[in-house]
Protein backbone atom coordinates (compact mmCIF):
# COMPACT_ATOMS: atom_id res chain seq x y z
CA MET A 1 77.45 30.21 14.42
CA ILE A 2 76.80 28.73 17.59
CA ALA A 3 74.28 29.15 19.88
CA ASN A 4 74.32 29.84 23.43
CA THR A 5 72.96 26.68 25.63
CA PHE A 6 74.15 25.07 28.89
CA LYS A 7 74.13 21.52 30.29
CA THR A 8 71.44 19.73 31.76
CA ALA A 9 72.41 16.98 34.79
CA GLU A 10 72.82 14.75 31.81
CA ASN A 11 74.50 16.57 29.29
CA ASN A 12 71.81 17.97 27.07
CA ALA A 13 72.35 20.82 25.31
CA VAL A 14 68.78 22.98 26.62
CA PRO A 15 69.16 26.31 23.98
CA PHE A 16 69.23 29.36 26.90
CA GLY A 17 66.00 31.16 25.53
CA SER A 18 63.52 28.48 27.15
CA GLY A 19 63.25 27.89 30.74
CA VAL A 20 64.15 24.78 32.43
CA ASP A 21 62.57 22.10 34.51
CA LEU A 22 64.02 21.68 37.84
CA ASP A 23 62.86 18.83 38.66
CA GLU A 24 65.21 17.14 35.86
CA VAL A 25 68.15 19.75 36.86
CA GLU A 26 70.12 21.95 38.37
CA PRO A 27 68.94 25.76 38.82
CA VAL A 28 69.54 28.79 37.23
CA ASN A 29 68.66 32.41 37.93
CA ARG A 30 65.29 33.05 36.05
CA ARG A 31 62.13 33.14 37.81
CA ARG A 32 60.22 29.80 39.11
CA ILE A 33 56.86 28.27 38.95
CA LEU A 34 55.44 25.73 40.85
CA VAL A 35 53.15 23.68 39.45
CA VAL A 36 50.93 22.16 41.46
CA ASP A 37 48.42 18.94 40.41
CA ASP A 38 47.70 15.54 42.19
CA GLU A 39 47.80 14.47 38.07
CA PRO A 40 50.71 14.31 36.52
CA ASP A 41 49.66 14.16 32.32
CA THR A 42 49.30 18.42 34.23
CA ILE A 43 51.51 18.91 34.99
CA THR A 44 54.11 17.49 32.66
CA LEU A 45 51.97 19.33 30.31
CA LEU A 46 52.38 22.43 32.49
CA LYS A 47 56.12 22.68 32.15
CA HIS A 48 55.88 22.32 28.25
CA ILE A 49 54.09 24.92 28.36
CA PHE A 50 55.83 27.35 30.80
CA ILE A 51 59.25 25.83 29.77
CA ASN A 52 58.79 27.47 26.81
CA ASP A 53 57.92 31.00 28.46
CA GLY A 54 61.39 31.02 29.64
CA PHE A 55 60.67 29.76 33.40
CA ASN A 56 61.96 27.66 35.12
CA VAL A 57 59.36 25.02 36.86
CA ALA A 58 59.23 22.52 39.28
CA GLY A 59 56.40 20.19 40.17
CA ALA A 60 54.17 18.55 43.03
CA LEU A 61 51.99 16.13 43.41
CA SER A 62 50.46 17.25 46.56
CA GLY A 63 49.75 19.77 48.56
CA ARG A 64 52.84 18.00 51.14
CA GLU A 65 55.43 17.94 48.17
CA ALA A 66 54.35 21.65 47.59
CA ILE A 67 55.33 23.29 50.97
CA LYS A 68 58.33 21.58 51.10
CA LYS A 69 59.03 22.68 47.34
CA ILE A 70 58.21 25.92 48.42
CA ASN A 71 60.88 26.28 50.29
CA ASP A 72 63.44 24.81 48.35
CA ILE A 73 63.19 26.80 45.79
CA ASN A 74 61.05 29.47 46.35
CA PRO A 75 58.89 29.44 43.66
CA SER A 76 57.99 33.29 42.39
CA ILE A 77 54.45 32.17 41.60
CA VAL A 78 52.72 28.67 42.55
CA ILE A 79 49.20 26.91 40.16
CA LEU A 80 46.85 25.00 41.91
CA ASP A 81 45.16 22.30 41.86
CA LEU A 82 41.70 22.57 44.35
CA LEU A 83 40.76 18.18 44.14
CA MET A 84 43.82 16.62 45.85
CA PRO A 85 43.97 14.13 48.16
CA GLU A 86 44.86 13.90 52.09
CA MET A 87 45.63 17.70 51.61
CA ASP A 88 43.76 19.67 49.06
CA GLY A 89 43.79 23.24 46.89
CA ARG A 90 42.22 24.86 49.96
CA GLN A 91 44.31 23.12 53.04
CA THR A 92 47.75 24.05 50.62
CA LEU A 93 46.44 27.23 49.78
CA ASP A 94 46.10 27.62 53.70
CA ALA A 95 49.24 26.29 54.47
CA ILE A 96 51.28 28.02 52.02
CA ARG A 97 50.34 31.96 53.20
CA LYS A 98 51.14 30.89 56.87
CA ILE A 99 55.23 31.14 56.05
CA ASN A 100 54.75 32.88 52.28
CA ASP A 101 52.64 35.30 50.31
CA ILE A 102 53.64 34.67 47.61
CA PRO A 103 51.19 34.85 44.64
CA VAL A 104 48.92 31.64 43.80
CA ILE A 105 47.18 30.67 40.71
CA VAL A 106 44.45 27.92 41.25
CA LEU A 107 44.19 26.13 37.64
CA SER A 108 41.01 23.47 38.23
CA ALA A 109 38.37 22.14 36.82
CA VAL A 110 36.23 23.50 39.25
CA ASN A 111 34.14 25.71 38.18
CA GLN A 112 31.12 26.96 40.49
CA LYS A 113 31.14 30.82 40.70
CA GLU A 114 31.19 30.76 44.58
CA GLU A 115 33.66 28.34 45.11
CA ILE A 116 35.87 30.81 42.42
CA VAL A 117 34.78 34.18 45.07
CA ASN A 118 35.62 32.64 47.95
CA LEU A 119 39.54 31.27 47.24
CA LEU A 120 39.76 34.98 45.93
CA GLN A 121 38.69 35.85 49.63
CA ARG A 122 41.04 33.76 51.34
CA GLY A 123 44.08 34.62 48.72
CA VAL A 124 44.11 32.93 45.66
CA ASP A 125 46.04 36.23 42.67
CA ASP A 126 43.85 34.22 40.19
CA TYR A 127 41.56 31.78 39.56
CA ILE A 128 42.14 29.95 35.90
CA THR A 129 39.49 26.79 35.02
CA LYS A 130 40.54 23.26 33.37
CA PRO A 131 40.68 22.92 29.70
CA PHE A 132 42.87 25.86 29.32
CA ASN A 133 44.31 27.46 26.64
CA SER A 134 47.66 27.89 27.05
CA ALA A 135 48.47 31.36 25.72
CA GLU A 136 45.54 32.65 28.64
CA VAL A 137 47.51 30.97 31.53
CA THR A 138 51.48 32.62 30.81
CA ALA A 139 49.01 36.14 29.91
CA ARG A 140 47.87 35.41 33.78
CA VAL A 141 51.20 34.40 35.20
CA HIS A 142 53.00 37.42 33.76
CA ALA A 143 49.63 39.43 34.63
CA VAL A 144 50.03 38.32 38.70
CA LEU A 145 53.74 38.71 39.23
CA ARG A 146 53.86 42.04 37.24
CA ARG A 147 50.90 43.82 39.88
CA ALA A 148 53.37 41.50 42.96
CA GLU A 149 56.27 42.27 41.40
CA LYS A 150 55.34 46.31 40.61
CA PRO A 151 56.49 48.27 44.28
CA MET A 152 53.95 49.66 45.87
CA VAL A 153 53.44 53.30 45.76
CA LEU A 154 52.24 55.19 48.77
CA ASN A 155 49.66 58.17 47.90
CA VAL A 156 47.49 59.43 51.36
CA LEU A 157 50.28 59.66 54.37
CA SER A 158 47.42 58.98 57.77
CA PHE A 159 47.90 60.95 61.55
CA PRO A 160 44.98 59.41 63.56
CA GLY A 161 46.98 60.20 66.54
CA VAL A 162 46.91 64.06 65.61
CA ASP A 163 43.85 63.39 62.48
CA LEU A 164 45.85 64.50 59.91
CA ILE A 165 45.52 63.37 56.26
CA ILE A 166 48.20 64.18 53.44
CA ASP A 167 46.96 62.87 50.16
CA LEU A 168 50.02 63.40 47.61
CA GLU A 169 47.82 62.33 44.39
CA THR A 170 45.49 64.77 45.03
CA TYR A 171 46.52 67.47 47.05
CA GLU A 172 44.18 67.48 49.71
CA VAL A 173 44.19 67.49 53.31
CA THR A 174 42.32 66.80 56.12
CA TYR A 175 42.29 67.62 60.26
CA LYS A 176 40.40 67.27 62.22
CA GLY A 177 37.68 66.97 59.29
CA SER A 178 39.29 70.55 58.05
CA THR A 179 40.17 70.32 54.96
CA ILE A 180 43.07 72.61 54.91
CA GLN A 181 43.73 74.32 51.11
CA LEU A 182 47.82 75.45 50.87
CA THR A 183 49.94 76.68 48.51
CA GLY A 184 51.82 73.76 46.53
CA LYS A 185 55.21 75.26 48.29
CA MET A 186 53.06 74.51 51.20
CA PHE A 187 52.44 71.32 50.21
CA GLU A 188 55.76 69.72 49.51
CA VAL A 189 57.47 71.02 52.32
CA LEU A 190 54.74 69.51 54.70
CA ALA A 191 54.59 66.28 52.89
CA LEU A 192 58.05 66.09 53.08
CA LEU A 193 57.86 66.28 56.38
CA ALA A 194 54.52 63.92 56.74
CA LYS A 195 57.20 60.65 54.45
CA SER A 196 59.99 61.18 56.94
CA ALA A 197 57.51 61.96 60.75
CA PRO A 198 58.50 61.64 62.97
CA LYS A 199 61.93 62.09 62.19
CA VAL A 200 63.66 65.69 61.57
CA VAL A 201 64.16 66.84 58.09
CA ASN A 202 66.87 69.49 57.58
CA TYR A 203 66.61 72.87 56.99
CA GLN A 204 69.81 71.84 53.80
CA GLU A 205 67.14 68.89 52.65
CA LEU A 206 63.99 71.13 52.83
CA THR A 207 64.77 74.27 50.92
CA GLU A 208 66.73 71.88 47.89
CA LYS A 209 64.80 69.57 47.42
CA VAL A 210 61.75 72.05 47.65
CA TRP A 211 64.01 75.35 45.96
CA GLY A 212 66.60 73.41 44.05
CA GLU A 213 68.74 75.54 46.49
CA ASN A 214 69.93 76.37 50.27
CA SER A 215 71.22 80.74 50.40
CA ALA A 216 70.00 82.24 53.29
CA SER A 217 67.23 83.94 50.74
CA VAL A 218 65.84 80.98 50.32
CA ARG A 219 65.75 79.55 53.94
CA ASN A 220 63.30 82.51 55.33
CA ARG A 221 61.47 81.96 52.99
CA LEU A 222 61.76 78.26 54.60
CA LYS A 223 61.57 79.61 58.08
CA TYR A 224 58.32 81.96 56.69
CA LEU A 225 56.36 79.52 54.57
CA VAL A 226 57.00 77.03 58.29
CA TYR A 227 55.09 79.78 59.40
CA LEU A 228 51.95 80.28 56.88
CA LEU A 229 51.56 76.09 57.81
CA ARG A 230 51.24 77.27 61.55
CA GLN A 231 48.83 79.37 60.65
CA GLU A 232 46.40 77.29 59.23
CA PHE A 233 46.50 74.28 61.87
CA LEU A 234 46.08 76.85 64.51
CA LYS A 235 43.18 77.86 63.41
CA ILE A 236 41.35 74.56 63.64
CA ASP A 237 42.07 73.47 66.76
CA ASP A 238 45.09 76.46 68.35
CA LYS A 239 46.15 74.39 71.38
CA VAL A 240 48.27 72.24 69.65
CA GLU A 241 51.70 72.68 67.19
CA LEU A 242 52.22 70.06 64.32
CA ILE A 243 54.83 71.32 63.25
CA GLU A 244 58.32 71.47 65.17
CA ASN A 245 61.25 73.11 65.14
CA ILE A 246 64.37 71.70 66.12
CA ASP A 247 67.04 74.38 66.77
CA ARG A 248 70.35 74.33 63.99
CA LEU A 249 68.82 71.23 62.93
CA GLY A 250 64.87 71.03 61.18
CA TYR A 251 61.80 70.44 61.39
CA LYS A 252 59.61 67.76 61.77
CA LEU A 253 55.96 67.01 62.26
CA ILE A 254 54.51 65.86 65.38
CA THR A 255 51.91 62.95 64.63
CA GLY A 256 51.05 62.17 68.40
CA GLU A 257 52.84 58.92 67.99
């Protein structure tokens, strides 16, 4: 059986399961790592580690070269040394953060706790000290990429204009400092309105998402449930109407914005 391969610029076959050195060959569609270090031997070693782990890798011997390569290759993550001449790792990090929120792992011989804490506060995603273990480095890279690529889940909706907070995980509703206890269906309707606020949510969407149907009887249930929701808010402030009925369209949450 002939293994799947692609050709480098020198026409040498490389196993399909390996990453590639982006400084040597044409890039292929894999996640990319930029290694920034003024020691060529360190770059070579890290390239070998990451290529064997399936990444495409490029190296930069200075901070200025790193900024240029970030624009050229759009890496998924940067591995950054601290002690570099002219433009050190801290300055490089600041320059990166001005143009990109790409994950950055510092890999440095500096191991003072204060320095590590300072860099984490400046936006570093992780910190590894030299000498390093190859398995740890790749594990840390994968962990940072998982965090970076994981979509953010919004669990709390806050509307400061009306002093309303809705916790989608605990089902807690706080209005002007007071907690409101809602039934499951009432909370579902309120959450749907809040997620779309200040836009109108039409009757059909509300009934189908909450009850799974859009019949006349379910429309009546929705109408009554919205009435109950309004009453809960009016108990706290009877001068403000938080849920507005848009005739023949649906309901919307008033956010005060």
